[in-house]
Amino acid sequence: MANVNGAVVAKALVHVAKKVEENKDYLCELDGEVGDGDHGVSMTIGMRAVTRAMKSLDDSVTPAEVFQAAADAYADEVGATIGPLYEAAFAAAAASAGDKGQLNEIADWADIYDAMAKSIQVLGKAERGDKTMLDSFFPAVDHIQALADKGGPLVDALSSTAKAALDAAIATRDLVAKKGRASRLGDRAIGYQDAGATSLAIVLQGFADGIAGA
C-alpha cells in the first residue's frame, strides 16, 4: 500500500463521494420512513462539493489541508442539518491530522475518527442511544481504537471498522429516536433504520475502499 499522504486522502474522499451518490436513493428511502426523505440528496450535494474541492488540490497537499477543504465544501454547499455536522467532523479530522504528512498507522485513523465523532456529538448535542449517526460512529471508533492497540494492516482495520459501523447502523432499528424529526414519533420509530447512521457507515466504507485502492 502506498503512503497515505494528502493526495491519497483526497482520492479516498472522491471515492467516498461516489459511494454516497450510489446510495442516494436508499438513504432517501430510509429517511423518508421517519423524516423528510432528503438525507441522500443532502449528503450527495455535500459530497459532490467535496469532490470539486478535492480536484482543485495539488499533489503536495497535506492530509489536514484535504480534510479542511472538505469541511469548507460542506459549509459552502449544504444548508440542511447534516451540513454543519460534517463540516465540524472534517474540521476536527484536519485538527487531528495536524502537521502529519502521512496517515499510515491505524492509530492515526483511530484518532481522526474519534475527533470526528466527538465534534458531531458536541455540535449535535446527541448521545449514544439517541438513534443518530453517532450510534454507528461510536461503535466504529471503539472498534478501530481496539485495533490500534493490536496493530496490523491499515486497510484491514479500516474495512472492518466500516463493517462495525454498518452493523451498528442496522441495530438502530431497535432504538427510540430522541433527536431530529424522527423523535416526534416516539416508540413508532422503532423498527426503522437511521439514515444518518447508515450514511456514516457508507462514508467509512468509502474511506476503506478508497485507501485500499491506493
N, C-alpha and C. Protein backbone atom coordinates (compact mmCIF):
# COMPACT_ATOMS: atom_id res chain seq x y z
N MET A 1 0.84 -1.19 0.00
CA MET A 1 0.00 0.00 0.00
C MET A 1 0.88 1.25 0.00
N ALA A 2 0.50 2.23 -0.80
CA ALA A 2 1.25 3.48 -0.87
C ALA A 2 1.09 4.26 0.42
N ASN A 3 2.01 5.18 0.66
CA ASN A 3 1.86 6.08 1.81
C ASN A 3 0.54 6.83 1.70
N VAL A 4 -0.18 6.90 2.80
CA VAL A 4 -1.46 7.60 2.80
C VAL A 4 -1.18 9.08 3.05
N ASN A 5 -0.73 9.75 2.01
CA ASN A 5 -0.45 11.18 2.10
C ASN A 5 -1.71 11.98 1.73
N GLY A 6 -1.55 13.29 1.63
CA GLY A 6 -2.70 14.13 1.34
C GLY A 6 -3.38 13.79 0.02
N ALA A 7 -2.58 13.50 -1.00
CA ALA A 7 -3.15 13.18 -2.31
C ALA A 7 -3.98 11.91 -2.24
N VAL A 8 -3.52 10.93 -1.46
CA VAL A 8 -4.28 9.68 -1.31
C VAL A 8 -5.58 9.94 -0.54
N VAL A 9 -5.51 10.75 0.51
CA VAL A 9 -6.72 11.08 1.27
C VAL A 9 -7.73 11.79 0.37
N ALA A 10 -7.25 12.68 -0.48
CA ALA A 10 -8.14 13.39 -1.41
C ALA A 10 -8.83 12.42 -2.36
N LYS A 11 -8.06 11.46 -2.89
CA LYS A 11 -8.64 10.46 -3.78
C LYS A 11 -9.65 9.58 -3.03
N ALA A 12 -9.34 9.29 -1.77
CA ALA A 12 -10.26 8.49 -0.97
C ALA A 12 -11.58 9.24 -0.76
N LEU A 13 -11.50 10.54 -0.56
CA LEU A 13 -12.73 11.32 -0.38
C LEU A 13 -13.56 11.37 -1.66
N VAL A 14 -12.91 11.39 -2.79
CA VAL A 14 -13.65 11.30 -4.06
C VAL A 14 -14.38 9.96 -4.14
N HIS A 15 -13.72 8.91 -3.66
CA HIS A 15 -14.36 7.59 -3.64
C HIS A 15 -15.53 7.58 -2.65
N VAL A 16 -15.36 8.24 -1.52
CA VAL A 16 -16.46 8.38 -0.56
C VAL A 16 -17.67 9.01 -1.24
N ALA A 17 -17.42 10.07 -2.00
CA ALA A 17 -18.50 10.77 -2.69
C ALA A 17 -19.23 9.85 -3.65
N LYS A 18 -18.49 9.00 -4.35
CA LYS A 18 -19.12 8.06 -5.27
C LYS A 18 -19.99 7.07 -4.53
N LYS A 19 -19.50 6.58 -3.40
CA LYS A 19 -20.28 5.63 -2.60
C LYS A 19 -21.57 6.26 -2.09
N VAL A 20 -21.48 7.50 -1.65
CA VAL A 20 -22.66 8.20 -1.15
C VAL A 20 -23.68 8.38 -2.27
N GLU A 21 -23.19 8.80 -3.44
CA GLU A 21 -24.13 9.03 -4.54
C GLU A 21 -24.77 7.73 -5.01
N GLU A 22 -24.02 6.65 -5.00
CA GLU A 22 -24.57 5.35 -5.38
C GLU A 22 -25.72 4.94 -4.45
N ASN A 23 -25.67 5.42 -3.22
CA ASN A 23 -26.67 5.05 -2.21
C ASN A 23 -27.67 6.15 -1.92
N LYS A 24 -27.69 7.17 -2.78
CA LYS A 24 -28.56 8.33 -2.55
C LYS A 24 -30.02 7.93 -2.37
N ASP A 25 -30.55 7.15 -3.29
CA ASP A 25 -31.96 6.78 -3.22
C ASP A 25 -32.25 5.92 -2.00
N TYR A 26 -31.33 5.03 -1.67
CA TYR A 26 -31.51 4.18 -0.49
C TYR A 26 -31.56 5.03 0.78
N LEU A 27 -30.67 6.01 0.88
CA LEU A 27 -30.65 6.87 2.05
C LEU A 27 -31.92 7.73 2.14
N CYS A 28 -32.40 8.19 1.00
CA CYS A 28 -33.66 8.94 0.99
C CYS A 28 -34.83 8.06 1.41
N GLU A 29 -34.79 6.81 0.98
CA GLU A 29 -35.84 5.87 1.37
C GLU A 29 -35.85 5.65 2.88
N LEU A 30 -34.67 5.45 3.45
CA LEU A 30 -34.58 5.27 4.90
C LEU A 30 -35.09 6.52 5.62
N ASP A 31 -34.66 7.67 5.16
CA ASP A 31 -35.04 8.93 5.81
C ASP A 31 -36.52 9.20 5.64
N GLY A 32 -37.08 8.78 4.53
CA GLY A 32 -38.50 9.01 4.28
C GLY A 32 -39.41 8.24 5.21
N GLU A 33 -38.90 7.19 5.82
CA GLU A 33 -39.73 6.39 6.72
C GLU A 33 -40.04 7.13 8.02
N VAL A 34 -39.15 8.04 8.42
CA VAL A 34 -39.37 8.75 9.69
C VAL A 34 -39.08 10.24 9.62
N GLY A 35 -38.59 10.72 8.47
CA GLY A 35 -38.19 12.13 8.36
C GLY A 35 -38.62 12.75 7.05
N ASP A 36 -37.80 13.67 6.55
CA ASP A 36 -38.15 14.42 5.34
C ASP A 36 -37.90 13.64 4.05
N GLY A 37 -37.07 12.63 4.11
CA GLY A 37 -36.76 11.85 2.92
C GLY A 37 -35.73 12.48 2.02
N ASP A 38 -34.96 13.44 2.54
CA ASP A 38 -34.00 14.15 1.69
C ASP A 38 -32.54 13.90 2.10
N HIS A 39 -32.31 12.97 3.02
CA HIS A 39 -30.96 12.80 3.54
C HIS A 39 -29.97 12.41 2.44
N GLY A 40 -30.37 11.52 1.57
CA GLY A 40 -29.48 11.11 0.48
C GLY A 40 -29.14 12.26 -0.44
N VAL A 41 -30.11 13.13 -0.68
CA VAL A 41 -29.88 14.30 -1.53
C VAL A 41 -28.90 15.25 -0.86
N SER A 42 -29.11 15.53 0.43
CA SER A 42 -28.23 16.45 1.15
C SER A 42 -26.80 15.92 1.20
N MET A 43 -26.66 14.63 1.47
CA MET A 43 -25.32 14.04 1.52
C MET A 43 -24.65 14.08 0.15
N THR A 44 -25.42 13.83 -0.89
CA THR A 44 -24.86 13.85 -2.24
C THR A 44 -24.42 15.25 -2.63
N ILE A 45 -25.22 16.25 -2.29
CA ILE A 45 -24.83 17.64 -2.57
C ILE A 45 -23.51 17.96 -1.87
N GLY A 46 -23.41 17.56 -0.61
CA GLY A 46 -22.19 17.83 0.14
C GLY A 46 -20.98 17.12 -0.44
N MET A 47 -21.14 15.86 -0.78
CA MET A 47 -20.00 15.10 -1.28
C MET A 47 -19.63 15.49 -2.71
N ARG A 48 -20.59 15.95 -3.50
CA ARG A 48 -20.22 16.49 -4.81
C ARG A 48 -19.35 17.73 -4.64
N ALA A 49 -19.70 18.56 -3.65
CA ALA A 49 -18.89 19.73 -3.37
C ALA A 49 -17.50 19.33 -2.90
N VAL A 50 -17.43 18.27 -2.10
CA VAL A 50 -16.14 17.76 -1.65
C VAL A 50 -15.31 17.30 -2.85
N THR A 51 -15.94 16.59 -3.78
CA THR A 51 -15.23 16.13 -4.97
C THR A 51 -14.63 17.29 -5.75
N ARG A 52 -15.42 18.34 -5.94
CA ARG A 52 -14.91 19.52 -6.65
C ARG A 52 -13.73 20.12 -5.90
N ALA A 53 -13.83 20.17 -4.58
CA ALA A 53 -12.74 20.73 -3.78
C ALA A 53 -11.48 19.87 -3.90
N MET A 54 -11.67 18.55 -3.91
CA MET A 54 -10.51 17.65 -3.99
C MET A 54 -9.79 17.81 -5.33
N LYS A 55 -10.55 18.01 -6.39
CA LYS A 55 -9.95 18.11 -7.71
C LYS A 55 -9.22 19.44 -7.92
N SER A 56 -9.43 20.38 -7.01
CA SER A 56 -8.74 21.67 -7.11
C SER A 56 -7.41 21.66 -6.35
N LEU A 57 -7.13 20.56 -5.63
CA LEU A 57 -5.91 20.47 -4.83
C LEU A 57 -4.78 19.85 -5.64
N ASP A 58 -3.55 20.21 -5.30
CA ASP A 58 -2.42 19.59 -5.98
C ASP A 58 -1.85 18.46 -5.12
N ASP A 59 -0.92 17.71 -5.67
CA ASP A 59 -0.42 16.52 -5.01
C ASP A 59 0.43 16.82 -3.78
N SER A 60 0.80 18.07 -3.55
CA SER A 60 1.63 18.41 -2.40
C SER A 60 0.80 18.70 -1.15
N VAL A 61 -0.51 18.60 -1.27
CA VAL A 61 -1.41 18.95 -0.17
C VAL A 61 -1.20 17.99 1.01
N THR A 62 -1.39 18.48 2.21
CA THR A 62 -1.28 17.64 3.40
C THR A 62 -2.64 17.04 3.74
N PRO A 63 -2.66 15.95 4.51
CA PRO A 63 -3.96 15.39 4.93
C PRO A 63 -4.83 16.42 5.64
N ALA A 64 -4.23 17.23 6.50
CA ALA A 64 -5.02 18.24 7.21
C ALA A 64 -5.66 19.22 6.24
N GLU A 65 -4.92 19.64 5.22
CA GLU A 65 -5.46 20.57 4.24
C GLU A 65 -6.59 19.93 3.45
N VAL A 66 -6.49 18.64 3.20
CA VAL A 66 -7.56 17.92 2.49
C VAL A 66 -8.83 17.90 3.32
N PHE A 67 -8.69 17.53 4.58
CA PHE A 67 -9.88 17.48 5.45
C PHE A 67 -10.50 18.86 5.63
N GLN A 68 -9.67 19.89 5.73
CA GLN A 68 -10.22 21.23 5.89
C GLN A 68 -10.94 21.68 4.63
N ALA A 69 -10.42 21.30 3.47
CA ALA A 69 -11.10 21.62 2.22
C ALA A 69 -12.46 20.94 2.15
N ALA A 70 -12.54 19.72 2.67
CA ALA A 70 -13.83 19.01 2.71
C ALA A 70 -14.80 19.72 3.66
N ALA A 71 -14.29 20.18 4.81
CA ALA A 71 -15.12 20.92 5.76
C ALA A 71 -15.66 22.19 5.11
N ASP A 72 -14.81 22.90 4.42
CA ASP A 72 -15.23 24.15 3.77
C ASP A 72 -16.26 23.88 2.68
N ALA A 73 -16.12 22.76 1.99
CA ALA A 73 -17.07 22.42 0.93
C ALA A 73 -18.46 22.19 1.51
N TYR A 74 -18.54 21.47 2.62
CA TYR A 74 -19.84 21.27 3.28
C TYR A 74 -20.41 22.58 3.78
N ALA A 75 -19.56 23.43 4.32
CA ALA A 75 -20.02 24.72 4.83
C ALA A 75 -20.63 25.57 3.73
N ASP A 76 -20.04 25.50 2.55
CA ASP A 76 -20.48 26.33 1.43
C ASP A 76 -21.74 25.80 0.75
N GLU A 77 -21.96 24.49 0.78
CA GLU A 77 -22.97 23.89 -0.09
C GLU A 77 -24.18 23.29 0.60
N VAL A 78 -24.07 22.89 1.87
CA VAL A 78 -25.15 22.13 2.49
C VAL A 78 -25.78 22.93 3.63
N GLY A 79 -27.02 23.32 3.42
CA GLY A 79 -27.73 24.06 4.45
C GLY A 79 -28.52 23.20 5.39
N ALA A 80 -28.77 21.94 5.01
CA ALA A 80 -29.52 21.04 5.86
C ALA A 80 -28.75 20.74 7.14
N THR A 81 -29.43 20.15 8.10
CA THR A 81 -28.81 19.88 9.40
C THR A 81 -27.50 19.12 9.28
N ILE A 82 -27.44 18.21 8.32
CA ILE A 82 -26.26 17.36 8.19
C ILE A 82 -25.03 18.16 7.77
N GLY A 83 -25.23 19.30 7.11
CA GLY A 83 -24.11 20.10 6.63
C GLY A 83 -23.16 20.55 7.72
N PRO A 84 -23.66 21.27 8.74
CA PRO A 84 -22.78 21.70 9.82
C PRO A 84 -22.13 20.54 10.57
N LEU A 85 -22.82 19.41 10.65
CA LEU A 85 -22.24 18.26 11.36
C LEU A 85 -21.03 17.71 10.62
N TYR A 86 -21.14 17.56 9.30
CA TYR A 86 -19.98 17.07 8.54
C TYR A 86 -18.91 18.15 8.41
N GLU A 87 -19.31 19.40 8.37
CA GLU A 87 -18.31 20.47 8.39
C GLU A 87 -17.47 20.37 9.65
N ALA A 88 -18.15 20.22 10.78
CA ALA A 88 -17.44 20.11 12.06
C ALA A 88 -16.57 18.85 12.10
N ALA A 89 -17.10 17.76 11.56
CA ALA A 89 -16.37 16.49 11.59
C ALA A 89 -15.10 16.57 10.76
N PHE A 90 -15.19 17.10 9.56
CA PHE A 90 -14.00 17.20 8.71
C PHE A 90 -12.99 18.21 9.27
N ALA A 91 -13.50 19.27 9.88
CA ALA A 91 -12.59 20.23 10.52
C ALA A 91 -11.86 19.58 11.69
N ALA A 92 -12.56 18.74 12.44
CA ALA A 92 -11.93 18.01 13.54
C ALA A 92 -10.90 17.02 13.02
N ALA A 93 -11.20 16.41 11.88
CA ALA A 93 -10.23 15.49 11.26
C ALA A 93 -8.96 16.25 10.87
N ALA A 94 -9.14 17.46 10.35
CA ALA A 94 -7.99 18.28 9.98
C ALA A 94 -7.14 18.60 11.20
N ALA A 95 -7.80 18.97 12.29
CA ALA A 95 -7.06 19.28 13.52
C ALA A 95 -6.33 18.05 14.05
N SER A 96 -6.97 16.90 13.95
CA SER A 96 -6.35 15.67 14.43
C SER A 96 -5.15 15.29 13.58
N ALA A 97 -5.26 15.47 12.27
CA ALA A 97 -4.14 15.15 11.38
C ALA A 97 -2.95 16.06 11.62
N GLY A 98 -3.23 17.29 12.00
CA GLY A 98 -2.16 18.22 12.35
C GLY A 98 -1.16 18.40 11.21
N ASP A 99 0.12 18.30 11.55
CA ASP A 99 1.16 18.50 10.54
C ASP A 99 1.71 17.20 9.99
N LYS A 100 0.98 16.11 10.17
CA LYS A 100 1.44 14.82 9.65
C LYS A 100 1.41 14.82 8.13
N GLY A 101 2.45 14.27 7.55
CA GLY A 101 2.50 14.16 6.09
C GLY A 101 1.84 12.90 5.58
N GLN A 102 1.76 11.88 6.43
CA GLN A 102 1.11 10.61 6.06
C GLN A 102 0.26 10.12 7.22
N LEU A 103 -0.77 9.39 6.87
CA LEU A 103 -1.65 8.76 7.87
C LEU A 103 -1.60 7.25 7.64
N ASN A 104 -0.46 6.67 7.94
CA ASN A 104 -0.22 5.27 7.60
C ASN A 104 -0.56 4.30 8.72
N GLU A 105 -0.79 4.81 9.92
CA GLU A 105 -1.00 3.95 11.07
C GLU A 105 -2.48 3.86 11.44
N ILE A 106 -2.87 2.70 11.97
CA ILE A 106 -4.24 2.56 12.45
C ILE A 106 -4.55 3.62 13.50
N ALA A 107 -3.57 3.90 14.36
CA ALA A 107 -3.76 4.89 15.42
C ALA A 107 -4.08 6.28 14.86
N ASP A 108 -3.51 6.61 13.69
CA ASP A 108 -3.82 7.90 13.06
C ASP A 108 -5.31 8.00 12.77
N TRP A 109 -5.86 6.94 12.20
CA TRP A 109 -7.28 6.95 11.82
C TRP A 109 -8.19 6.77 13.03
N ALA A 110 -7.71 6.06 14.04
CA ALA A 110 -8.48 5.96 15.28
C ALA A 110 -8.64 7.35 15.90
N ASP A 111 -7.56 8.12 15.90
CA ASP A 111 -7.63 9.48 16.44
C ASP A 111 -8.53 10.37 15.60
N ILE A 112 -8.44 10.23 14.29
CA ILE A 112 -9.26 11.05 13.39
C ILE A 112 -10.74 10.73 13.56
N TYR A 113 -11.07 9.45 13.54
CA TYR A 113 -12.48 9.06 13.70
C TYR A 113 -13.02 9.49 15.06
N ASP A 114 -12.20 9.36 16.09
CA ASP A 114 -12.63 9.77 17.43
C ASP A 114 -12.89 11.27 17.47
N ALA A 115 -12.01 12.05 16.87
CA ALA A 115 -12.19 13.50 16.85
C ALA A 115 -13.44 13.89 16.07
N MET A 116 -13.67 13.21 14.95
CA MET A 116 -14.86 13.50 14.15
C MET A 116 -16.13 13.20 14.93
N ALA A 117 -16.19 12.04 15.56
CA ALA A 117 -17.39 11.63 16.30
C ALA A 117 -17.67 12.60 17.45
N LYS A 118 -16.61 12.97 18.17
CA LYS A 118 -16.81 13.86 19.31
C LYS A 118 -17.25 15.25 18.87
N SER A 119 -16.77 15.71 17.72
CA SER A 119 -17.19 17.02 17.23
C SER A 119 -18.67 17.01 16.86
N ILE A 120 -19.11 15.91 16.28
CA ILE A 120 -20.54 15.77 15.95
C ILE A 120 -21.37 15.74 17.21
N GLN A 121 -20.88 15.04 18.22
CA GLN A 121 -21.59 14.96 19.49
C GLN A 121 -21.74 16.33 20.13
N VAL A 122 -20.67 17.11 20.14
CA VAL A 122 -20.71 18.43 20.75
C VAL A 122 -21.68 19.35 20.00
N LEU A 123 -21.60 19.37 18.68
CA LEU A 123 -22.45 20.27 17.91
C LEU A 123 -23.91 19.81 17.92
N GLY A 124 -24.13 18.50 17.75
CA GLY A 124 -25.49 17.99 17.67
C GLY A 124 -26.15 17.76 19.01
N LYS A 125 -25.35 17.81 20.08
CA LYS A 125 -25.86 17.59 21.44
C LYS A 125 -26.62 16.26 21.54
N ALA A 126 -26.08 15.25 20.90
CA ALA A 126 -26.68 13.91 20.94
C ALA A 126 -25.81 12.98 21.76
N GLU A 127 -26.41 11.92 22.23
CA GLU A 127 -25.70 10.90 22.99
C GLU A 127 -25.86 9.56 22.28
N ARG A 128 -24.98 8.66 22.60
CA ARG A 128 -25.11 7.30 22.10
C ARG A 128 -26.44 6.73 22.57
N GLY A 129 -27.19 6.15 21.67
CA GLY A 129 -28.50 5.62 22.00
C GLY A 129 -29.65 6.52 21.60
N ASP A 130 -29.34 7.72 21.06
CA ASP A 130 -30.39 8.65 20.64
C ASP A 130 -30.89 8.38 19.23
N LYS A 131 -30.37 7.37 18.59
CA LYS A 131 -30.73 7.00 17.22
C LYS A 131 -30.31 8.08 16.23
N THR A 132 -29.00 8.32 16.21
CA THR A 132 -28.40 9.28 15.28
C THR A 132 -27.17 8.63 14.66
N MET A 133 -26.46 9.39 13.86
CA MET A 133 -25.24 8.89 13.23
C MET A 133 -24.19 8.46 14.26
N LEU A 134 -24.28 9.00 15.47
CA LEU A 134 -23.33 8.60 16.50
C LEU A 134 -23.48 7.14 16.90
N ASP A 135 -24.65 6.58 16.66
CA ASP A 135 -24.86 5.18 17.03
C ASP A 135 -24.18 4.21 16.07
N SER A 136 -23.68 4.71 14.97
CA SER A 136 -22.77 3.89 14.16
C SER A 136 -21.34 4.37 14.30
N PHE A 137 -21.15 5.67 14.57
CA PHE A 137 -19.80 6.22 14.63
C PHE A 137 -19.06 5.78 15.90
N PHE A 138 -19.70 5.86 17.05
CA PHE A 138 -19.01 5.50 18.28
C PHE A 138 -18.62 4.01 18.33
N PRO A 139 -19.48 3.09 17.90
CA PRO A 139 -19.02 1.70 17.83
C PRO A 139 -17.85 1.51 16.87
N ALA A 140 -17.85 2.27 15.78
CA ALA A 140 -16.72 2.21 14.84
C ALA A 140 -15.45 2.71 15.50
N VAL A 141 -15.56 3.79 16.26
CA VAL A 141 -14.40 4.33 16.97
C VAL A 141 -13.88 3.31 17.99
N ASP A 142 -14.79 2.69 18.74
CA ASP A 142 -14.37 1.67 19.70
C ASP A 142 -13.61 0.55 19.00
N HIS A 143 -14.11 0.16 17.83
CA HIS A 143 -13.51 -0.94 17.08
C HIS A 143 -12.11 -0.59 16.60
N ILE A 144 -11.95 0.58 15.99
CA ILE A 144 -10.65 0.91 15.43
C ILE A 144 -9.64 1.24 16.53
N GLN A 145 -10.11 1.77 17.66
CA GLN A 145 -9.19 2.00 18.77
C GLN A 145 -8.63 0.69 19.31
N ALA A 146 -9.48 -0.34 19.37
CA ALA A 146 -9.02 -1.65 19.82
C ALA A 146 -8.00 -2.22 18.84
N LEU A 147 -8.23 -2.02 17.55
CA LEU A 147 -7.29 -2.50 16.53
C LEU A 147 -5.98 -1.73 16.57
N ALA A 148 -6.05 -0.47 16.92
CA ALA A 148 -4.81 0.33 17.01
C ALA A 148 -3.89 -0.23 18.09
N ASP A 149 -4.48 -0.76 19.15
CA ASP A 149 -3.67 -1.35 20.22
C ASP A 149 -3.04 -2.67 19.78
N LYS A 150 -3.73 -3.39 18.89
CA LYS A 150 -3.23 -4.69 18.44
C LYS A 150 -2.25 -4.58 17.28
N GLY A 151 -2.46 -3.58 16.43
CA GLY A 151 -1.63 -3.43 15.23
C GLY A 151 -2.16 -4.29 14.10
N GLY A 152 -1.53 -4.16 12.93
CA GLY A 152 -1.95 -4.92 11.76
C GLY A 152 -2.06 -4.02 10.55
N PRO A 153 -2.50 -4.57 9.42
CA PRO A 153 -2.62 -3.78 8.19
C PRO A 153 -3.69 -2.70 8.31
N LEU A 154 -3.38 -1.49 7.87
CA LEU A 154 -4.33 -0.38 7.93
C LEU A 154 -5.58 -0.66 7.12
N VAL A 155 -5.42 -1.19 5.92
CA VAL A 155 -6.58 -1.43 5.05
C VAL A 155 -7.56 -2.38 5.72
N ASP A 156 -7.06 -3.43 6.33
CA ASP A 156 -7.95 -4.38 7.00
C ASP A 156 -8.68 -3.71 8.16
N ALA A 157 -7.97 -2.85 8.88
CA ALA A 157 -8.58 -2.17 10.02
C ALA A 157 -9.68 -1.22 9.57
N LEU A 158 -9.43 -0.46 8.50
CA LEU A 158 -10.45 0.46 8.01
C LEU A 158 -11.67 -0.29 7.48
N SER A 159 -11.43 -1.42 6.83
CA SER A 159 -12.54 -2.21 6.29
C SER A 159 -13.40 -2.79 7.40
N SER A 160 -12.77 -3.39 8.40
CA SER A 160 -13.55 -3.99 9.48
C SER A 160 -14.23 -2.92 10.33
N THR A 161 -13.64 -1.73 10.39
CA THR A 161 -14.28 -0.62 11.11
C THR A 161 -15.54 -0.17 10.40
N ALA A 162 -15.48 -0.11 9.08
CA ALA A 162 -16.68 0.23 8.31
C ALA A 162 -17.77 -0.81 8.50
N LYS A 163 -17.38 -2.08 8.57
CA LYS A 163 -18.35 -3.15 8.82
C LYS A 163 -18.97 -3.01 10.20
N ALA A 164 -18.17 -2.64 11.18
CA ALA A 164 -18.69 -2.42 12.53
C ALA A 164 -19.71 -1.28 12.53
N ALA A 165 -19.42 -0.24 11.76
CA ALA A 165 -20.34 0.89 11.66
C ALA A 165 -21.66 0.47 11.01
N LEU A 166 -21.58 -0.33 9.96
CA LEU A 166 -22.79 -0.77 9.29
C LEU A 166 -23.63 -1.66 10.20
N ASP A 167 -22.98 -2.58 10.90
CA ASP A 167 -23.72 -3.44 11.83
C ASP A 167 -24.43 -2.59 12.89
N ALA A 168 -23.75 -1.56 13.37
CA ALA A 168 -24.34 -0.68 14.37
C ALA A 168 -25.48 0.14 13.78
N ALA A 169 -25.33 0.55 12.52
CA ALA A 169 -26.41 1.30 11.86
C ALA A 169 -27.67 0.44 11.74
N ILE A 170 -27.49 -0.81 11.36
CA ILE A 170 -28.63 -1.72 11.27
C ILE A 170 -29.30 -1.89 12.63
N ALA A 171 -28.48 -1.92 13.67
CA ALA A 171 -29.01 -2.10 15.03
C ALA A 171 -29.81 -0.89 15.52
N THR A 172 -29.72 0.26 14.82
CA THR A 172 -30.52 1.41 15.24
C THR A 172 -32.02 1.17 15.06
N ARG A 173 -32.37 0.11 14.35
CA ARG A 173 -33.79 -0.24 14.21
C ARG A 173 -34.44 -0.48 15.57
N ASP A 174 -33.64 -0.87 16.54
CA ASP A 174 -34.17 -1.20 17.86
C ASP A 174 -34.24 0.00 18.79
N LEU A 175 -33.79 1.17 18.32
CA LEU A 175 -33.71 2.34 19.19
C LEU A 175 -34.91 3.27 19.02
N VAL A 176 -35.20 4.01 20.07
CA VAL A 176 -36.19 5.08 20.02
C VAL A 176 -35.47 6.37 19.67
N ALA A 177 -35.95 7.08 18.67
CA ALA A 177 -35.29 8.33 18.24
C ALA A 177 -35.52 9.43 19.27
N LYS A 178 -34.43 10.11 19.62
CA LYS A 178 -34.51 11.20 20.59
C LYS A 178 -34.05 12.53 20.01
N LYS A 179 -33.65 12.52 18.75
CA LYS A 179 -33.20 13.74 18.08
C LYS A 179 -33.83 13.81 16.69
N GLY A 180 -33.96 15.03 16.18
CA GLY A 180 -34.46 15.20 14.81
C GLY A 180 -35.95 14.95 14.68
N ARG A 181 -36.40 14.95 13.44
CA ARG A 181 -37.83 14.79 13.18
C ARG A 181 -38.36 13.44 13.65
N ALA A 182 -37.52 12.43 13.58
CA ALA A 182 -37.96 11.10 13.99
C ALA A 182 -38.33 11.06 15.47
N SER A 183 -37.79 11.98 16.27
CA SER A 183 -38.07 11.97 17.71
C SER A 183 -39.54 12.22 18.00
N ARG A 184 -40.23 12.85 17.06
CA ARG A 184 -41.66 13.13 17.26
C ARG A 184 -42.50 11.86 17.24
N LEU A 185 -41.93 10.79 16.69
CA LEU A 185 -42.67 9.54 16.57
C LEU A 185 -42.60 8.67 17.82
N GLY A 186 -41.65 8.97 18.69
CA GLY A 186 -41.52 8.17 19.89
C GLY A 186 -41.26 6.70 19.57
N ASP A 187 -42.00 5.82 20.22
CA ASP A 187 -41.80 4.39 20.02
C ASP A 187 -42.12 3.94 18.60
N ARG A 188 -42.86 4.76 17.87
CA ARG A 188 -43.22 4.38 16.50
C ARG A 188 -42.01 4.38 15.57
N ALA A 189 -40.90 4.99 16.01
CA ALA A 189 -39.68 4.97 15.20
C ALA A 189 -38.92 3.66 15.34
N ILE A 190 -39.29 2.84 16.31
CA ILE A 190 -38.66 1.54 16.47
C ILE A 190 -38.96 0.70 15.23
N GLY A 191 -37.95 0.02 14.74
CA GLY A 191 -38.12 -0.80 13.54
C GLY A 191 -37.56 -0.15 12.29
N TYR A 192 -37.25 1.16 12.39
CA TYR A 192 -36.72 1.87 11.24
C TYR A 192 -35.23 2.17 11.45
N GLN A 193 -34.46 1.94 10.41
CA GLN A 193 -33.01 2.14 10.46
C GLN A 193 -32.67 3.61 10.25
N ASP A 194 -31.81 4.15 11.08
CA ASP A 194 -31.48 5.57 10.98
C ASP A 194 -30.66 5.87 9.72
N ALA A 195 -31.10 6.85 8.98
CA ALA A 195 -30.43 7.19 7.72
C ALA A 195 -29.05 7.79 7.97
N GLY A 196 -28.93 8.65 8.99
CA GLY A 196 -27.64 9.27 9.27
C GLY A 196 -26.59 8.27 9.71
N ALA A 197 -27.00 7.31 10.53
CA ALA A 197 -26.08 6.24 10.95
C ALA A 197 -25.65 5.41 9.76
N THR A 198 -26.57 5.20 8.83
CA THR A 198 -26.27 4.40 7.64
C THR A 198 -25.33 5.14 6.70
N SER A 199 -25.57 6.43 6.49
CA SER A 199 -24.68 7.19 5.59
C SER A 199 -23.28 7.30 6.19
N LEU A 200 -23.19 7.36 7.52
CA LEU A 200 -21.88 7.40 8.15
C LEU A 200 -21.12 6.12 7.87
N ALA A 201 -21.82 4.99 7.95
CA ALA A 201 -21.18 3.70 7.63
C ALA A 201 -20.72 3.67 6.18
N ILE A 202 -21.51 4.26 5.28
CA ILE A 202 -21.13 4.32 3.87
C ILE A 202 -19.90 5.19 3.68
N VAL A 203 -19.83 6.30 4.41
CA VAL A 203 -18.64 7.17 4.36
C VAL A 203 -17.39 6.40 4.80
N LEU A 204 -17.49 5.67 5.90
CA LEU A 204 -16.33 4.92 6.38
C LEU A 204 -15.95 3.80 5.42
N GLN A 205 -16.94 3.19 4.78
CA GLN A 205 -16.62 2.18 3.77
C GLN A 205 -15.93 2.82 2.58
N GLY A 206 -16.35 4.03 2.23
CA GLY A 206 -15.70 4.75 1.14
C GLY A 206 -14.24 5.03 1.44
N PHE A 207 -13.95 5.43 2.66
CA PHE A 207 -12.56 5.64 3.06
C PHE A 207 -11.76 4.34 2.94
N ALA A 208 -12.34 3.27 3.47
CA ALA A 208 -11.64 1.98 3.44
C ALA A 208 -11.34 1.55 2.01
N ASP A 209 -12.34 1.62 1.15
CA ASP A 209 -12.16 1.19 -0.24
C ASP A 209 -11.21 2.13 -0.98
N GLY A 210 -11.35 3.43 -0.73
CA GLY A 210 -10.50 4.39 -1.43
C GLY A 210 -9.04 4.25 -1.08
N ILE A 211 -8.76 4.03 0.20
CA ILE A 211 -7.38 3.86 0.61
C ILE A 211 -6.83 2.51 0.17
N ALA A 212 -7.68 1.50 0.18
CA ALA A 212 -7.24 0.19 -0.33
C ALA A 212 -6.87 0.29 -1.81
N GLY A 213 -7.62 1.10 -2.55
CA GLY A 213 -7.34 1.26 -3.97
C GLY A 213 -6.05 1.99 -4.26
N ALA A 214 -5.56 2.71 -3.26
CA ALA A 214 -4.30 3.44 -3.44
C ALA A 214 -3.10 2.51 -3.37
